[in-house]
Amino acid sequence: MIGALPRAPGVPIVWPACAGLLQAASIAWPGSGQALGWLQVLSLTVLAAGLAGMTRSPHAPLGGLGPVKRAAWLGGAFATAWLAGCFWWLYVSMHHVGGLPAPLAVFAVLALAAALALYYAAASAMWVGLARGWVAQQPGLASALFAALWTLAELMRGRWFTGFPWGAGGYAHVDGVLVAWAPWVGVYGMGALAAWLAMRLALAGWRLGALKPLIGIGLASWGLQAWGPVFTTSAGQAQVQLLQANISQTEKFQAASGVRDALQWYDEQLRASRQPLVVAPETAIPLLPQHLPEGYWEGLKKHFAQPDSPLALVGVPLGSLAEGYTNSVVALGPDESLGYRYDKAHLVPFGEFMPPGFVWFIRMMNIPLGDFRSGGWHQPSLAWQGQRLAPNVCYEDLFGEELAIRFKDPATAPTALVNVSNIAWFGDTLAVDQHLSISRLRAIELGRPMLRATNTGATAIIDHTGRVTDQLPRFTRGSLTGVFEGRHGLTPFARWAGAWGLWPLWGLCCALVVAVWWRQRR
């Protein structure tokens, strides 16, 4: 993509591409895993400055391309670099785990990034097409238009074709001042604010007077974070034990090594637990119950059925060829917990179901991929000792609007979220830090603690403010014991997203774009 663009005056396309890589790094800085919100805004400002420059010469072609087409190239280059830099670790799962030849794995990652970048290329082109002629006179409105178009691109990437919202810009602000808006507008709303700030900064030209709105947003965010309303109240504290077996993905489904190791270790740890709640990660038991050694599953159920036993939440595949298979979390315990199961609702394309027309690609990899069915969106929480526990499986915690469905009725809303994951597919990479930030932001959006039990990390207890209170060292075998506090009450995001999903954001952004387009026609 980058090499095909003719050289031209103005902002060279290499700068937006480099800025895109910085935006990827802002989600989780290499080495520390720290989210850097200020870097996300500044990196997006580089693209915004390039786009703003094109509105000042609306009739002059640039390097053989008109401003709108050039804007599409710049936006596409930025987004391709950003997205490839965010999920480059897919290469690990395809090449190191799946055995796909390295050149094909690299091509697959770049192709996915470039395809998703088309949304942002279109947003950039539309902004230049709509903003030409009046951007200098109304920088606030021009910035709002950019924020609306950029947010629509984020929403399309996150929702269309099952959605792949990994690395959305808002996640870079989980430790920044803009996080104060998370309980109100969620990660996409935070991304919209960041996009507005980036374009406003680009149009300001570092003039102090023009920077006043930026200072205003910063002060308002700081004040909201320091003195804003508290939306939730305590539902009581409880102890939990989270298990982490640290089984390599290359061995996880090998009968003579990974499977045997998992069955032995989790059986020992589950039976030995003395905590009221013990959680084992996604597919901790890697076989269907009917395929387990004789007496294994029945023995675990019998152990936890005793009156004084703790409650265990265990990741295990369920089903049969006739009824279909599910990626599930099963409750093992006495009385009311008997029979509870949660079946993963949002399945991963290529990992848990095969998109039509891609069987040839799957056959090139030596990965035991499943063909699962969805469990549906309206599954109940598990009532336990005054708490209501809401499981979600791995990738599902990327979709705050889907988790919010369970908050539609405040009387049955979860008091705590439980995420079971296995991202050993991606090795010792930034995927671990990125996923932890995602879980932290979900906790802030919904005002609930998040208990994370993972195969290799990050196994952690996150409180309702997004703070990691306890964490197990990554890529080690062990268990994490700690205390969490469930919460009652609804954040504004949980309230409106639970009722309407993301449609309010779609509507606001579309209304603004249509209003500007209508004005341009007059």
Protein backbone atom coordinates (compact mmCIF):
# COMPACT_ATOMS: atom_id res chain seq x y z
CA MET A 1 0.00 0.00 0.00
CA ILE A 2 2.66 2.51 1.07
CA GLY A 3 5.04 1.85 -1.77
CA ALA A 4 2.36 2.28 -4.43
CA LEU A 5 1.73 5.95 -3.62
CA PRO A 6 3.56 8.49 -5.81
CA ARG A 7 5.83 10.89 -4.01
CA ALA A 8 4.17 14.23 -3.46
CA PRO A 9 4.49 17.51 -1.61
CA GLY A 10 2.75 17.78 1.72
CA VAL A 11 2.96 15.20 4.48
CA PRO A 12 4.91 12.12 3.27
CA ILE A 13 2.93 8.94 3.73
CA VAL A 14 5.73 7.42 5.83
CA TRP A 15 4.86 9.75 8.72
CA PRO A 16 1.28 8.53 9.18
CA ALA A 17 2.59 4.95 8.95
CA CYS A 18 5.17 5.62 11.68
CA ALA A 19 2.49 7.37 13.73
CA GLY A 20 0.31 4.29 13.33
CA LEU A 21 3.03 2.14 14.86
CA LEU A 22 3.24 4.58 17.79
CA GLN A 23 -0.51 4.31 18.25
CA ALA A 24 -0.11 0.52 18.45
CA ALA A 25 2.61 0.98 21.07
CA SER A 26 0.36 3.32 23.05
CA ILE A 27 -2.07 0.45 23.75
CA ALA A 28 0.69 -1.45 25.57
CA TRP A 29 4.24 -0.07 25.50
CA PRO A 30 6.76 -2.83 24.64
CA GLY A 31 8.63 -3.96 27.71
CA SER A 32 6.37 -2.43 30.34
CA GLY A 33 2.92 -3.13 28.90
CA GLN A 34 1.88 0.35 30.05
CA ALA A 35 -0.99 2.11 28.26
CA LEU A 36 -0.01 5.65 27.18
CA GLY A 37 -3.01 7.81 26.40
CA TRP A 38 -0.99 10.93 25.61
CA LEU A 39 0.97 9.00 22.97
CA GLN A 40 -2.26 7.77 21.37
CA VAL A 41 -3.53 11.35 21.00
CA LEU A 42 -0.21 12.64 19.66
CA SER A 43 0.16 9.79 17.17
CA LEU A 44 -3.35 10.41 15.84
CA THR A 45 -2.54 14.12 15.67
CA VAL A 46 0.14 13.35 13.05
CA LEU A 47 -2.50 11.86 10.77
CA ALA A 48 -4.93 14.67 11.59
CA ALA A 49 -2.33 17.28 10.66
CA GLY A 50 -1.74 15.62 7.30
CA LEU A 51 -5.46 15.53 6.58
CA ALA A 52 -5.94 19.13 7.72
CA GLY A 53 -3.23 20.27 5.32
CA MET A 54 -5.19 18.87 2.39
CA THR A 55 -8.21 21.05 3.15
CA ARG A 56 -6.16 24.17 2.58
CA SER A 57 -5.48 23.37 -1.10
CA PRO A 58 -8.77 21.82 -2.18
CA HIS A 59 -8.19 22.11 -5.92
CA ALA A 60 -4.53 21.17 -6.26
CA PRO A 61 -3.74 17.52 -7.03
CA LEU A 62 -1.05 15.98 -4.83
CA GLY A 63 1.39 13.65 -6.51
CA GLY A 64 -1.15 12.80 -9.20
CA LEU A 65 -3.89 12.17 -6.66
CA GLY A 66 -6.58 14.54 -5.51
CA PRO A 67 -6.89 15.46 -1.84
CA VAL A 68 -9.68 12.96 -1.10
CA LYS A 69 -7.80 10.01 -2.58
CA ARG A 70 -4.59 11.12 -0.92
CA ALA A 71 -6.45 11.30 2.40
CA ALA A 72 -7.62 7.73 1.92
CA TRP A 73 -4.02 6.60 1.39
CA LEU A 74 -2.80 8.44 4.47
CA GLY A 75 -5.61 7.10 6.65
CA GLY A 76 -5.12 3.60 5.29
CA ALA A 77 -1.35 3.69 5.88
CA PHE A 78 -1.84 4.90 9.46
CA ALA A 79 -4.47 2.25 10.24
CA THR A 80 -2.61 -0.60 8.55
CA ALA A 81 0.54 0.11 10.58
CA TRP A 82 -1.49 0.63 13.77
CA LEU A 83 -3.52 -2.57 13.46
CA ALA A 84 -0.63 -4.76 12.31
CA GLY A 85 1.40 -3.37 15.21
CA CYS A 86 -1.45 -4.22 17.60
CA PHE A 87 -2.06 -7.82 16.61
CA TRP A 88 1.19 -8.91 15.00
CA TRP A 89 1.18 -11.78 17.51
CA LEU A 90 -1.36 -13.57 15.32
CA TYR A 91 1.78 -14.60 13.46
CA VAL A 92 2.77 -16.69 16.51
CA SER A 93 -0.47 -18.67 16.48
CA MET A 94 -0.36 -19.26 12.73
CA HIS A 95 3.35 -20.01 12.32
CA HIS A 96 4.78 -21.26 15.62
CA VAL A 97 1.63 -23.06 16.78
CA GLY A 98 -0.14 -23.81 13.52
CA GLY A 99 2.86 -24.48 11.29
CA LEU A 100 1.80 -22.06 8.54
CA PRO A 101 4.87 -21.04 6.50
CA ALA A 102 6.31 -17.78 7.82
CA PRO A 103 5.78 -15.73 4.61
CA LEU A 104 2.11 -16.77 4.48
CA ALA A 105 1.65 -15.96 8.18
CA VAL A 106 3.16 -12.49 7.71
CA PHE A 107 0.98 -11.93 4.65
CA ALA A 108 -2.13 -13.03 6.55
CA VAL A 109 -1.49 -10.53 9.37
CA LEU A 110 -0.82 -7.68 6.95
CA ALA A 111 -3.81 -8.59 4.80
CA LEU A 112 -6.13 -8.56 7.81
CA ALA A 113 -4.73 -5.22 8.98
CA ALA A 114 -5.05 -3.70 5.49
CA ALA A 115 -8.62 -4.96 5.10
CA LEU A 116 -9.68 -3.48 8.44
CA ALA A 117 -7.80 -0.26 7.60
CA LEU A 118 -10.27 0.38 4.77
CA TYR A 119 -12.75 1.70 7.33
CA TYR A 120 -10.28 4.35 8.46
CA ALA A 121 -9.22 5.14 4.91
CA ALA A 122 -12.86 5.87 4.08
CA ALA A 123 -13.24 8.00 7.22
CA SER A 124 -10.17 10.06 6.33
CA ALA A 125 -11.33 10.57 2.74
CA MET A 126 -14.82 11.60 3.84
CA TRP A 127 -13.45 14.10 6.33
CA VAL A 128 -11.31 15.85 3.72
CA GLY A 129 -14.22 15.79 1.25
CA LEU A 130 -16.64 17.33 3.73
CA ALA A 131 -14.34 19.69 5.61
CA ARG A 132 -12.76 21.50 2.65
CA GLY A 133 -13.53 25.20 2.49
CA TRP A 134 -14.67 25.87 6.05
CA VAL A 135 -12.34 23.91 8.34
CA ALA A 136 -10.28 26.99 9.18
CA GLN A 137 -13.38 28.98 10.09
CA GLN A 138 -14.95 26.33 12.36
CA PRO A 139 -12.21 24.12 13.84
CA GLY A 140 -14.45 22.87 16.66
CA LEU A 141 -17.05 21.53 14.24
CA ALA A 142 -14.36 20.14 11.93
CA SER A 143 -12.85 18.30 14.90
CA ALA A 144 -16.26 16.94 15.87
CA LEU A 145 -16.77 15.71 12.31
CA PHE A 146 -13.43 13.91 12.39
CA ALA A 147 -14.31 12.34 15.74
CA ALA A 148 -17.66 11.15 14.38
CA LEU A 149 -16.18 9.62 11.23
CA TRP A 150 -13.29 8.01 13.13
CA THR A 151 -15.70 6.57 15.68
CA LEU A 152 -17.91 5.16 12.93
CA ALA A 153 -14.82 3.42 11.53
CA GLU A 154 -14.07 1.99 14.99
CA LEU A 155 -17.68 0.83 15.36
CA MET A 156 -17.65 -0.83 11.94
CA ARG A 157 -14.44 -2.67 12.74
CA GLY A 158 -15.78 -3.70 16.12
CA ARG A 159 -19.22 -4.88 14.97
CA TRP A 160 -19.35 -5.83 11.29
CA PHE A 161 -18.56 -9.39 10.16
CA THR A 162 -18.60 -10.60 13.82
CA GLY A 163 -16.28 -7.72 14.79
CA PHE A 164 -12.58 -7.53 15.64
CA PRO A 165 -12.15 -4.49 17.94
CA TRP A 166 -8.76 -5.47 19.38
CA GLY A 167 -6.56 -2.41 19.91
CA ALA A 168 -9.29 0.24 19.75
CA GLY A 169 -7.78 3.64 20.50
CA GLY A 170 -9.74 4.12 23.73
CA TYR A 171 -7.81 1.32 25.46
CA ALA A 172 -4.68 3.49 25.51
CA HIS A 173 -6.45 5.72 28.06
CA VAL A 174 -7.13 3.08 30.72
CA ASP A 175 -4.50 4.79 32.92
CA GLY A 176 -5.00 8.31 31.56
CA VAL A 177 -7.24 11.21 32.41
CA LEU A 178 -9.84 10.32 29.76
CA VAL A 179 -10.63 7.10 31.65
CA ALA A 180 -12.99 9.23 33.76
CA TRP A 181 -15.42 9.05 30.83
CA ALA A 182 -15.41 5.24 30.60
CA PRO A 183 -18.40 4.67 32.93
CA TRP A 184 -20.34 7.24 30.90
CA VAL A 185 -19.51 6.57 27.24
CA GLY A 186 -17.39 3.39 27.14
CA VAL A 187 -14.27 2.70 25.12
CA TYR A 188 -15.70 4.01 21.82
CA GLY A 189 -16.78 7.25 23.44
CA MET A 190 -13.30 7.65 24.91
CA GLY A 191 -11.87 7.04 21.44
CA ALA A 192 -14.17 9.74 20.05
CA LEU A 193 -12.90 12.25 22.63
CA ALA A 194 -9.31 11.34 21.76
CA ALA A 195 -10.03 11.80 18.03
CA TRP A 196 -11.59 15.21 18.71
CA LEU A 197 -8.56 16.22 20.74
CA ALA A 198 -6.17 15.04 18.02
CA MET A 199 -7.84 17.04 15.24
CA ARG A 200 -8.30 20.09 17.48
CA LEU A 201 -4.60 19.95 18.30
CA ALA A 202 -3.72 19.60 14.61
CA LEU A 203 -5.87 22.61 13.69
CA ALA A 204 -4.65 24.71 16.62
CA GLY A 205 -1.12 24.98 15.31
CA TRP A 206 0.14 25.18 18.90
CA ARG A 207 -1.44 28.61 19.41
CA LEU A 208 -2.23 29.06 23.10
CA GLY A 209 -5.66 30.57 22.48
CA ALA A 210 -6.69 27.68 20.27
CA LEU A 211 -5.56 25.18 22.90
CA LYS A 212 -8.12 26.37 25.44
CA PRO A 213 -10.68 23.68 24.50
CA LEU A 214 -8.02 21.02 24.99
CA ILE A 215 -7.20 22.37 28.43
CA GLY A 216 -10.92 22.45 29.18
CA ILE A 217 -11.37 18.77 28.30
CA GLY A 218 -8.36 17.86 30.42
CA LEU A 219 -9.61 19.78 33.46
CA ALA A 220 -13.14 18.42 33.09
CA SER A 221 -11.79 14.86 32.86
CA TRP A 222 -9.57 15.38 35.89
CA GLY A 223 -12.41 16.86 37.89
CA LEU A 224 -14.75 14.04 36.92
CA GLN A 225 -12.13 11.51 37.93
CA ALA A 226 -11.47 13.20 41.28
CA TRP A 227 -14.98 14.27 42.31
CA GLY A 228 -17.37 12.53 39.94
CA PRO A 229 -20.39 10.53 41.17
CA VAL A 230 -20.03 6.96 42.43
CA PHE A 231 -22.55 4.77 40.65
CA THR A 232 -22.18 1.49 42.53
CA THR A 233 -22.30 0.23 46.11
CA SER A 234 -20.70 -2.76 47.79
CA ALA A 235 -22.32 -6.19 47.48
CA GLY A 236 -19.89 -7.65 50.01
CA GLN A 237 -16.47 -9.21 49.82
CA ALA A 238 -15.54 -12.81 49.00
CA GLN A 239 -12.40 -14.88 48.63
CA VAL A 240 -11.40 -16.53 45.39
CA GLN A 241 -8.66 -18.81 44.07
CA LEU A 242 -7.66 -18.51 40.41
CA LEU A 243 -5.72 -21.34 38.74
CA GLN A 244 -3.01 -21.02 36.06
CA ALA A 245 -1.47 -24.24 34.73
CA ASN A 246 0.89 -22.60 32.18
CA ILE A 247 0.58 -25.36 29.57
CA SER A 248 2.13 -24.54 26.21
CA GLN A 249 -0.32 -24.34 23.34
CA THR A 250 1.83 -26.70 21.29
CA GLU A 251 1.28 -29.35 23.99
CA LYS A 252 -2.19 -28.46 25.25
CA PHE A 253 -4.03 -30.97 23.08
CA GLN A 254 -1.30 -33.61 22.96
CA ALA A 255 -2.66 -36.68 24.76
CA ALA A 256 0.71 -37.89 26.07
CA SER A 257 1.82 -34.51 27.46
CA GLY A 258 -0.48 -31.50 27.70
CA VAL A 259 -3.80 -33.31 28.16
CA ARG A 260 -2.43 -35.68 30.79
CA ASP A 261 -0.66 -32.83 32.58
CA ALA A 262 -3.79 -30.65 32.61
CA LEU A 263 -6.07 -33.39 33.88
CA GLN A 264 -3.70 -34.27 36.71
CA TRP A 265 -2.83 -30.74 37.81
CA TYR A 266 -6.32 -29.26 37.70
CA ASP A 267 -7.78 -32.30 39.45
CA GLU A 268 -5.26 -31.89 42.28
CA GLN A 269 -5.74 -28.12 42.56
CA LEU A 270 -9.53 -28.19 42.41
CA ARG A 271 -9.81 -30.90 45.04
CA ALA A 272 -7.25 -29.23 47.31
CA SER A 273 -8.85 -25.76 47.19
CA ARG A 274 -10.14 -24.41 50.50
CA GLN A 275 -11.38 -21.09 49.15
CA PRO A 276 -15.14 -20.46 48.79
CA LEU A 277 -14.70 -19.94 45.04
CA VAL A 278 -12.11 -21.52 42.74
CA VAL A 279 -11.87 -20.77 39.02
CA ALA A 280 -10.05 -22.76 36.33
CA PRO A 281 -9.43 -21.14 32.90
CA GLU A 282 -10.86 -21.68 29.43
CA THR A 283 -10.66 -25.36 28.39
CA ALA A 284 -8.76 -26.15 31.58
CA ILE A 285 -10.25 -29.62 31.06
CA PRO A 286 -9.33 -29.98 27.37
CA LEU A 287 -11.61 -32.96 26.55
CA LEU A 288 -15.34 -33.49 26.36
CA PRO A 289 -16.61 -35.05 29.61
CA GLN A 290 -17.58 -38.25 27.77
CA HIS A 291 -14.00 -38.57 26.49
CA LEU A 292 -12.33 -38.17 29.89
CA PRO A 293 -10.82 -41.14 31.75
CA GLU A 294 -13.49 -43.24 33.42
CA GLY A 295 -14.66 -41.70 36.69
CA TYR A 296 -12.72 -38.42 36.28
CA TRP A 297 -15.62 -36.02 35.67
CA GLU A 298 -18.01 -37.87 37.96
CA GLY A 299 -15.38 -37.79 40.72
CA LEU A 300 -14.99 -34.01 40.46
CA LYS A 301 -18.75 -33.49 40.51
CA LYS A 302 -19.13 -35.74 43.53
CA HIS A 303 -16.32 -33.96 45.38
CA PHE A 304 -17.89 -30.51 44.93
CA ALA A 305 -21.42 -31.74 45.62
CA GLN A 306 -20.64 -32.18 49.32
CA PRO A 307 -22.45 -29.63 51.54
CA ASP A 308 -19.34 -27.77 52.76
CA SER A 309 -17.49 -27.78 49.42
CA PRO A 310 -16.48 -24.58 47.62
CA LEU A 311 -17.92 -23.55 44.30
CA ALA A 312 -15.76 -24.31 41.25
CA LEU A 313 -16.07 -22.66 37.84
CA VAL A 314 -14.26 -24.80 35.26
CA GLY A 315 -13.66 -24.20 31.57
CA VAL A 316 -14.54 -27.31 29.54
CA PRO A 317 -15.92 -28.09 26.06
CA LEU A 318 -19.39 -29.62 26.07
CA GLY A 319 -21.78 -31.22 23.60
CA SER A 320 -21.83 -33.92 20.98
CA LEU A 321 -21.75 -34.30 17.22
CA ALA A 322 -25.54 -34.46 17.14
CA GLU A 323 -26.30 -31.41 19.29
CA GLY A 324 -23.18 -29.36 18.50
CA TYR A 325 -20.28 -28.30 20.70
CA THR A 326 -19.88 -25.32 23.04
CA ASN A 327 -16.94 -23.60 24.68
CA SER A 328 -18.34 -23.57 28.20
CA VAL A 329 -17.87 -22.75 31.85
CA VAL A 330 -19.43 -25.28 34.23
CA ALA A 331 -20.23 -24.78 37.91
CA LEU A 332 -19.36 -27.64 40.25
CA GLY A 333 -20.79 -27.27 43.73
CA PRO A 334 -23.63 -28.07 46.09
CA ASP A 335 -27.30 -27.10 45.90
CA GLU A 336 -28.19 -24.13 43.71
CA SER A 337 -25.02 -24.23 41.60
CA LEU A 338 -25.72 -27.74 40.31
CA GLY A 339 -26.44 -27.74 36.61
CA TYR A 340 -25.25 -24.17 35.90
CA ARG A 341 -23.29 -23.67 32.72
CA TYR A 342 -22.35 -20.73 30.58
CA ASP A 343 -21.77 -21.29 26.86
CA LYS A 344 -19.61 -18.80 25.02
CA ALA A 345 -21.81 -16.50 22.93
CA HIS A 346 -19.37 -14.49 20.79
CA LEU A 347 -17.31 -17.01 18.87
CA VAL A 348 -13.95 -16.30 17.23
CA PRO A 349 -13.84 -16.69 13.44
CA PHE A 350 -11.18 -19.21 12.31
CA GLY A 351 -10.77 -20.33 15.93
CA GLU A 352 -14.23 -21.48 16.95
CA PHE A 353 -16.12 -21.48 13.68
CA MET A 354 -15.11 -21.58 10.04
CA PRO A 355 -16.22 -18.66 7.85
CA PRO A 356 -17.54 -19.89 4.49
CA GLY A 357 -14.86 -20.04 1.82
CA PHE A 358 -11.85 -20.27 4.16
CA VAL A 359 -11.61 -24.02 4.71
CA TRP A 360 -8.55 -24.10 2.42
CA PHE A 361 -6.73 -21.66 4.73
CA ILE A 362 -7.56 -23.69 7.86
CA ARG A 363 -6.29 -26.89 6.24
CA MET A 364 -2.85 -25.29 5.82
CA MET A 365 -2.44 -25.10 9.62
CA ASN A 366 -2.00 -27.92 12.08
CA ILE A 367 -4.31 -26.49 14.74
CA PRO A 368 -7.13 -28.38 16.49
CA LEU A 369 -9.77 -25.77 15.71
CA GLY A 370 -13.35 -26.24 16.81
CA ASP A 371 -16.71 -25.82 15.14
CA PHE A 372 -18.72 -24.48 18.07
CA ARG A 373 -22.23 -23.11 18.38
CA SER A 374 -23.07 -19.89 20.19
CA GLY A 375 -24.65 -20.01 23.63
CA GLY A 376 -26.81 -16.91 23.09
CA TRP A 377 -26.79 -13.45 24.65
CA HIS A 378 -29.29 -13.75 27.50
CA GLN A 379 -27.73 -16.38 29.73
CA PRO A 380 -28.28 -15.84 33.47
CA SER A 381 -25.65 -15.13 36.08
CA LEU A 382 -24.83 -17.63 38.80
CA ALA A 383 -26.21 -16.78 42.26
CA TRP A 384 -23.64 -17.57 44.96
CA GLN A 385 -23.32 -16.34 48.56
CA GLY A 386 -25.11 -13.07 47.91
CA GLN A 387 -23.17 -12.45 44.67
CA ARG A 388 -24.19 -12.91 41.05
CA LEU A 389 -21.25 -14.16 38.97
CA ALA A 390 -21.29 -13.57 35.20
CA PRO A 391 -18.75 -15.68 33.29
CA ASN A 392 -17.34 -14.66 29.93
CA VAL A 393 -14.82 -16.58 27.84
CA CYS A 394 -11.57 -15.02 26.58
CA TYR A 395 -12.34 -12.84 23.54
CA GLU A 396 -15.82 -11.96 24.82
CA ASP A 397 -14.56 -9.27 27.16
CA LEU A 398 -13.67 -7.15 24.12
CA PHE A 399 -17.38 -6.49 23.66
CA GLY A 400 -18.56 -4.27 26.50
CA GLU A 401 -21.91 -3.71 24.83
CA GLU A 402 -22.54 -7.47 24.85
CA LEU A 403 -21.56 -7.86 28.49
CA ALA A 404 -23.89 -4.93 29.22
CA ILE A 405 -26.87 -7.00 28.03
CA ARG A 406 -26.78 -8.75 31.40
CA PHE A 407 -27.27 -5.37 33.12
CA LYS A 408 -30.56 -4.59 31.39
CA ASP A 409 -32.49 -5.56 34.54
CA PRO A 410 -30.80 -4.00 37.60
CA ALA A 411 -32.43 -6.60 39.86
CA THR A 412 -30.54 -9.45 38.16
CA ALA A 413 -27.41 -7.57 37.07
CA PRO A 414 -24.10 -9.33 37.89
CA THR A 415 -22.15 -8.21 40.94
CA ALA A 416 -18.87 -9.59 39.51
CA LEU A 417 -17.53 -10.65 36.12
CA VAL A 418 -15.43 -13.80 35.67
CA ASN A 419 -13.21 -14.08 32.60
CA VAL A 420 -11.62 -17.43 31.74
CA SER A 421 -9.01 -17.24 28.98
CA ASN A 422 -6.32 -19.11 27.12
CA ILE A 423 -4.06 -16.83 25.08
CA ALA A 424 -1.16 -19.26 25.07
CA TRP A 425 -1.89 -19.28 21.32
CA PHE A 426 0.12 -16.05 21.09
CA GLY A 427 3.12 -16.90 23.26
CA ASP A 428 4.97 -14.44 25.46
CA THR A 429 3.86 -11.31 23.60
CA LEU A 430 2.09 -8.02 24.25
CA ALA A 431 -1.22 -9.80 23.75
CA VAL A 432 -1.10 -10.58 27.49
CA ASP A 433 -0.76 -6.90 28.47
CA GLN A 434 -3.30 -5.77 25.91
CA HIS A 435 -5.88 -8.26 27.15
CA LEU A 436 -5.33 -7.20 30.73
CA SER A 437 -6.00 -3.56 29.76
CA ILE A 438 -9.16 -4.66 27.94
CA SER A 439 -10.42 -6.43 31.07
CA ARG A 440 -9.56 -3.42 33.22
CA LEU A 441 -11.55 -1.09 30.99
CA ARG A 442 -14.54 -3.46 31.06
CA ALA A 443 -14.42 -3.31 34.87
CA ILE A 444 -14.48 0.50 34.77
CA GLU A 445 -17.22 0.71 32.12
CA LEU A 446 -19.55 -1.61 33.99
CA GLY A 447 -18.49 -0.81 37.57
CA ARG A 448 -17.77 -4.43 38.41
CA PRO A 449 -14.72 -6.43 39.53
CA MET A 450 -13.25 -8.77 36.93
CA LEU A 451 -11.76 -12.09 38.04
CA ARG A 452 -9.36 -13.43 35.39
CA ALA A 453 -8.28 -17.07 35.38
CA THR A 454 -5.97 -17.75 32.45
CA ASN A 455 -3.76 -20.56 31.20
CA THR A 456 -0.54 -18.52 30.95
CA GLY A 457 -1.44 -14.97 32.13
CA ALA A 458 -2.45 -12.46 33.08
CA THR A 459 -4.30 -14.18 35.92
CA ALA A 460 -5.51 -11.29 38.08
CA ILE A 461 -8.14 -9.79 40.35
CA ILE A 462 -9.32 -6.40 39.07
CA ASP A 463 -11.55 -4.19 41.19
CA HIS A 464 -14.49 -2.12 39.92
CA THR A 465 -12.22 0.91 39.35
CA GLY A 466 -9.96 -1.05 37.00
CA ARG A 467 -7.15 -1.42 39.53
CA VAL A 468 -5.26 -4.72 39.57
CA THR A 469 -5.31 -5.72 43.25
CA ASP A 470 -3.59 -9.11 42.84
CA GLN A 471 -1.78 -10.73 39.92
CA LEU A 472 0.02 -14.04 39.39
CA PRO A 473 3.40 -13.97 37.62
CA ARG A 474 2.93 -14.78 33.95
CA PHE A 475 4.09 -17.99 32.35
CA THR A 476 4.40 -19.71 35.70
CA ARG A 477 2.33 -22.51 37.22
CA GLY A 478 0.44 -21.63 40.35
CA SER A 479 -2.71 -20.26 41.90
CA LEU A 480 -3.72 -16.79 43.00
CA THR A 481 -5.74 -16.35 46.19
CA GLY A 482 -7.30 -13.01 46.98
CA VAL A 483 -10.39 -11.03 47.88
CA PHE A 484 -12.83 -9.26 45.58
CA GLU A 485 -15.73 -6.94 46.31
CA GLY A 486 -18.90 -7.36 44.29
CA ARG A 487 -20.92 -4.27 43.39
CA HIS A 488 -24.57 -3.28 43.04
CA GLY A 489 -25.86 -0.43 40.89
CA LEU A 490 -25.43 0.60 37.26
CA THR A 491 -23.01 2.96 35.56
CA PRO A 492 -24.51 5.17 32.82
CA PHE A 493 -22.73 3.01 30.22
CA ALA A 494 -24.17 -0.20 31.66
CA ARG A 495 -27.62 1.40 31.67
CA TRP A 496 -27.74 2.71 28.12
CA ALA A 497 -25.62 -0.01 26.48
CA GLY A 498 -27.66 -2.67 28.26
CA ALA A 499 -30.86 -1.20 26.87
CA TRP A 500 -29.80 -0.11 23.36
CA GLY A 501 -26.33 -1.52 22.68
CA LEU A 502 -24.11 0.89 20.75
CA TRP A 503 -26.94 2.37 18.72
CA PRO A 504 -26.83 5.75 20.53
CA LEU A 505 -23.22 6.21 19.40
CA TRP A 506 -24.03 5.09 15.88
CA GLY A 507 -26.95 7.54 15.80
CA LEU A 508 -25.05 10.55 17.14
CA CYS A 509 -22.11 10.06 14.79
CA CYS A 510 -24.30 9.47 11.73
CA ALA A 511 -26.48 12.49 12.58
CA LEU A 512 -23.46 14.77 12.75
CA VAL A 513 -22.04 13.50 9.46
CA VAL A 514 -25.39 13.87 7.69
CA ALA A 515 -25.86 17.38 9.10
CA VAL A 516 -22.47 18.49 7.78
CA TRP A 517 -23.13 16.86 4.40
CA TRP A 518 -26.50 18.63 4.20
CA ARG A 519 -24.86 21.93 5.00
CA GLN A 520 -22.28 21.41 2.26
CA ARG A 521 -25.04 20.87 -0.30
CA ARG A 522 -26.67 24.21 0.47
